[in-house]
Amino acid sequence: MRHSVAPLLTLLLALTACGSTPETRWYLLEATGTPVAAADGPRIGIARLEVAEYLLAPQIQTREGANGLRRANFAQWAEPLDKGVARVLLLDLAAAVGTERVRLAPWPRDWVPERELMVRIQRLDAGPEGAQLVATWSVQDGARKTPARDRLAQISVPRSGSDGASVAADLSALLNELALRIAADIAAGAGDAAGASD
């Protein structure tokens, strides 16, 4: 009798463990700006957008110490993170510039951007001290008549919580701030170009 009870108890314990497995939750980055329909806005082409390799895991990651990362098995991105970054940055940049005429490469041959943008996300994560983004970008006129202007942004925001939804919200806020800085850089470059042509 004792031998027949042991396998049954093992099976019951396994079923109980399976029943208590947390449900996986899926999260999206969210654009905070709404593009404005403006026929006379500048045409901006995002020619290249790169995201650091370590960020491309499907799990949401949080920073632990200077060099550590924790990946949450039950909190995951609903789309590849590089695709989400591209989607959100495009929308936030369009809103910041005040135009819908922002496209991600490849674009149609008959659509020629006035400004070409290249962005590399070096860091985009959240930790106990806050959420941080480090990115480099360059802006060049579409005709490539002027040298590209290289820029670096290091942005941080306080943590809004400790769950997956708060990480997604904090990283979205960082991307929005990056879009605002790129938009200001594009506007400054347009002003410089206008001044040089006067």
Protein backbone atom coordinates (compact mmCIF):
# COMPACT_ATOMS: atom_id res chain seq x y z
CA MET A 1 0.00 0.00 0.00
CA ARG A 2 2.84 2.38 0.91
CA HIS A 3 4.45 1.83 -2.52
CA SER A 4 1.21 2.70 -4.35
CA VAL A 5 0.64 5.92 -2.37
CA ALA A 6 4.09 7.45 -3.04
CA PRO A 7 3.66 7.82 -6.84
CA LEU A 8 0.19 9.28 -6.29
CA LEU A 9 1.55 11.90 -3.87
CA THR A 10 4.34 12.77 -6.33
CA LEU A 11 1.78 13.26 -9.09
CA LEU A 12 -0.41 15.45 -6.90
CA LEU A 13 2.56 17.62 -5.90
CA ALA A 14 3.55 18.05 -9.57
CA LEU A 15 0.01 19.05 -10.53
CA THR A 16 -0.12 21.53 -7.66
CA ALA A 17 3.17 23.07 -8.76
CA CYS A 18 1.90 23.42 -12.33
CA GLY A 19 -1.26 25.06 -11.10
CA SER A 20 0.71 27.70 -9.20
CA THR A 21 2.95 28.77 -12.12
CA PRO A 22 2.54 32.53 -12.61
CA GLU A 23 0.80 33.69 -15.76
CA THR A 24 3.09 35.32 -18.31
CA ARG A 25 2.23 38.97 -18.90
CA TRP A 26 3.05 40.84 -22.10
CA TYR A 27 3.95 44.51 -22.37
CA LEU A 28 4.36 47.14 -25.07
CA LEU A 29 6.30 50.36 -25.29
CA GLU A 30 3.89 53.23 -25.85
CA ALA A 31 4.32 56.45 -27.79
CA THR A 32 3.26 59.45 -25.73
CA GLY A 33 2.87 61.92 -28.59
CA THR A 34 0.34 62.06 -31.42
CA PRO A 35 1.69 62.98 -34.88
CA VAL A 36 0.21 66.16 -36.31
CA ALA A 37 -0.99 66.19 -39.92
CA ALA A 38 1.17 68.91 -41.45
CA ALA A 39 1.66 69.04 -45.19
CA ASP A 40 4.57 71.48 -44.91
CA GLY A 41 6.52 69.66 -42.19
CA PRO A 42 10.00 68.35 -42.95
CA ARG A 43 10.40 64.90 -44.43
CA ILE A 44 12.50 62.91 -41.97
CA GLY A 45 13.88 59.49 -42.82
CA ILE A 46 15.16 57.20 -40.08
CA ALA A 47 17.82 55.57 -42.23
CA ARG A 48 19.14 53.26 -39.52
CA LEU A 49 18.07 52.40 -35.99
CA GLU A 50 20.17 49.95 -33.99
CA VAL A 51 19.53 48.56 -30.53
CA ALA A 52 22.32 47.04 -28.43
CA GLU A 53 22.36 43.26 -28.67
CA TYR A 54 21.88 42.63 -24.93
CA LEU A 55 18.49 44.35 -25.05
CA LEU A 56 16.98 41.97 -27.58
CA ALA A 57 15.90 39.25 -25.14
CA PRO A 58 12.13 38.65 -25.10
CA GLN A 59 12.03 39.03 -21.30
CA ILE A 60 11.82 42.39 -19.58
CA GLN A 61 15.18 43.08 -17.96
CA THR A 62 16.09 45.09 -14.90
CA ARG A 63 19.54 46.25 -13.89
CA GLU A 64 21.19 44.73 -10.81
CA GLY A 65 24.28 46.58 -9.66
CA ALA A 66 26.79 47.95 -12.14
CA ASN A 67 26.99 44.95 -14.46
CA GLY A 68 24.13 42.61 -13.57
CA LEU A 69 20.81 42.03 -15.31
CA ARG A 70 17.74 40.12 -14.15
CA ARG A 71 15.37 38.73 -16.77
CA ALA A 72 11.76 38.28 -15.70
CA ASN A 73 10.48 34.96 -17.06
CA PHE A 74 6.84 35.93 -16.66
CA ALA A 75 7.05 39.55 -17.88
CA GLN A 76 7.88 39.70 -21.56
CA TRP A 77 7.75 42.09 -24.50
CA ALA A 78 4.80 41.64 -26.82
CA GLU A 79 7.03 42.48 -29.81
CA PRO A 80 10.80 42.38 -30.38
CA LEU A 81 12.23 45.31 -28.45
CA ASP A 82 14.05 46.80 -31.44
CA LYS A 83 10.76 46.86 -33.38
CA GLY A 84 9.00 48.51 -30.44
CA VAL A 85 11.74 51.13 -30.10
CA ALA A 86 11.50 51.94 -33.82
CA ARG A 87 7.70 52.20 -33.69
CA VAL A 88 7.64 54.45 -30.64
CA LEU A 89 10.55 56.65 -31.68
CA LEU A 90 8.98 57.26 -35.09
CA LEU A 91 5.64 58.29 -33.57
CA ASP A 92 7.17 60.42 -30.81
CA LEU A 93 9.53 62.12 -33.27
CA ALA A 94 6.68 62.87 -35.66
CA ALA A 95 4.73 64.41 -32.78
CA ALA A 96 7.73 66.42 -31.57
CA VAL A 97 8.51 67.81 -35.03
CA GLY A 98 4.84 68.41 -35.80
CA THR A 99 4.49 66.34 -38.95
CA GLU A 100 3.37 62.94 -40.13
CA ARG A 101 6.16 62.86 -42.70
CA VAL A 102 8.54 60.62 -40.78
CA ARG A 103 9.44 57.23 -42.22
CA LEU A 104 11.66 54.30 -41.36
CA ALA A 105 13.92 52.89 -44.08
CA PRO A 106 13.43 51.49 -46.59
CA TRP A 107 11.20 54.19 -48.09
CA PRO A 108 9.86 54.56 -51.66
CA ARG A 109 12.23 55.90 -54.31
CA ASP A 110 10.00 58.89 -55.01
CA TRP A 111 10.04 59.91 -51.34
CA VAL A 112 13.21 61.88 -50.62
CA PRO A 113 13.85 62.89 -46.99
CA GLU A 114 15.07 66.37 -46.19
CA ARG A 115 16.82 65.01 -43.10
CA GLU A 116 18.30 61.53 -42.61
CA LEU A 117 18.63 60.22 -39.10
CA MET A 118 20.75 57.38 -37.73
CA VAL A 119 20.21 56.26 -34.14
CA ARG A 120 21.92 53.69 -31.93
CA ILE A 121 20.45 52.77 -28.55
CA GLN A 122 23.39 51.81 -26.35
CA ARG A 123 21.46 51.36 -23.11
CA LEU A 124 17.77 51.20 -22.25
CA ASP A 125 16.96 49.62 -18.92
CA ALA A 126 15.58 50.13 -15.44
CA GLY A 127 17.19 49.55 -12.07
CA PRO A 128 16.79 50.53 -8.41
CA GLU A 129 18.24 53.99 -9.07
CA GLY A 130 15.91 54.73 -12.00
CA ALA A 131 15.54 54.03 -15.70
CA GLN A 132 18.32 55.06 -18.06
CA LEU A 133 18.86 55.54 -21.75
CA VAL A 134 22.13 56.16 -23.56
CA ALA A 135 21.89 56.82 -27.29
CA THR A 136 23.93 58.31 -30.10
CA TRP A 137 22.46 59.80 -33.23
CA SER A 138 23.45 61.77 -36.28
CA VAL A 139 21.43 64.01 -38.57
CA GLN A 140 22.34 64.78 -42.17
CA ASP A 141 20.51 66.58 -44.93
CA GLY A 142 18.94 64.20 -47.43
CA ALA A 143 21.17 65.37 -50.27
CA ARG A 144 24.25 64.65 -48.10
CA LYS A 145 25.70 68.07 -48.90
CA THR A 146 26.62 68.79 -45.30
CA PRO A 147 28.54 66.67 -42.77
CA ALA A 148 26.48 64.64 -40.32
CA ARG A 149 26.11 66.14 -36.83
CA ASP A 150 26.89 63.52 -34.18
CA ARG A 151 25.12 63.70 -30.82
CA LEU A 152 25.04 61.78 -27.54
CA ALA A 153 22.18 61.65 -25.05
CA GLN A 154 22.28 60.23 -21.52
CA ILE A 155 18.80 60.41 -20.04
CA SER A 156 17.39 59.11 -16.76
CA VAL A 157 13.96 59.14 -15.14
CA PRO A 158 12.82 57.99 -11.67
CA ARG A 159 11.19 54.58 -11.47
CA SER A 160 7.40 54.73 -11.45
CA GLY A 161 6.97 51.27 -9.91
CA SER A 162 8.51 47.82 -9.72
CA ASP A 163 6.42 45.67 -12.09
CA GLY A 164 6.63 45.03 -15.83
CA ALA A 165 4.06 47.70 -16.67
CA SER A 166 6.11 50.34 -14.88
CA VAL A 167 9.29 49.28 -16.70
CA ALA A 168 7.48 49.62 -20.04
CA ALA A 169 6.14 53.05 -19.02
CA ASP A 170 9.54 54.28 -17.83
CA LEU A 171 11.33 53.14 -20.99
CA SER A 172 8.60 54.77 -23.07
CA ALA A 173 9.20 58.05 -21.22
CA LEU A 174 12.91 57.80 -22.00
CA LEU A 175 12.24 57.30 -25.71
CA ASN A 176 9.88 60.27 -25.71
CA GLU A 177 12.60 62.48 -24.22
CA LEU A 178 15.06 61.19 -26.81
CA ALA A 179 12.58 62.09 -29.58
CA LEU A 180 12.25 65.61 -28.16
CA ARG A 181 16.02 66.08 -28.17
CA ILE A 182 16.37 64.77 -31.71
CA ALA A 183 13.54 67.05 -32.85
CA ALA A 184 15.30 70.05 -31.27
CA ASP A 185 18.54 69.05 -33.02
CA ILE A 186 16.75 68.78 -36.37
CA ALA A 187 15.15 72.20 -35.85
CA ALA A 188 18.52 73.72 -34.93
CA GLY A 189 20.11 72.22 -38.02
CA ALA A 190 17.34 73.58 -40.23
CA GLY A 191 17.92 77.03 -38.74
CA ASP A 192 21.65 76.77 -39.38
CA ALA A 193 21.04 75.76 -42.98
CA ALA A 194 18.62 78.67 -43.51
CA GLY A 195 21.14 81.11 -42.01
CA ALA A 196 23.90 79.82 -44.26
CA SER A 197 21.77 80.29 -47.37
CA ASP A 198 20.84 83.91 -46.52
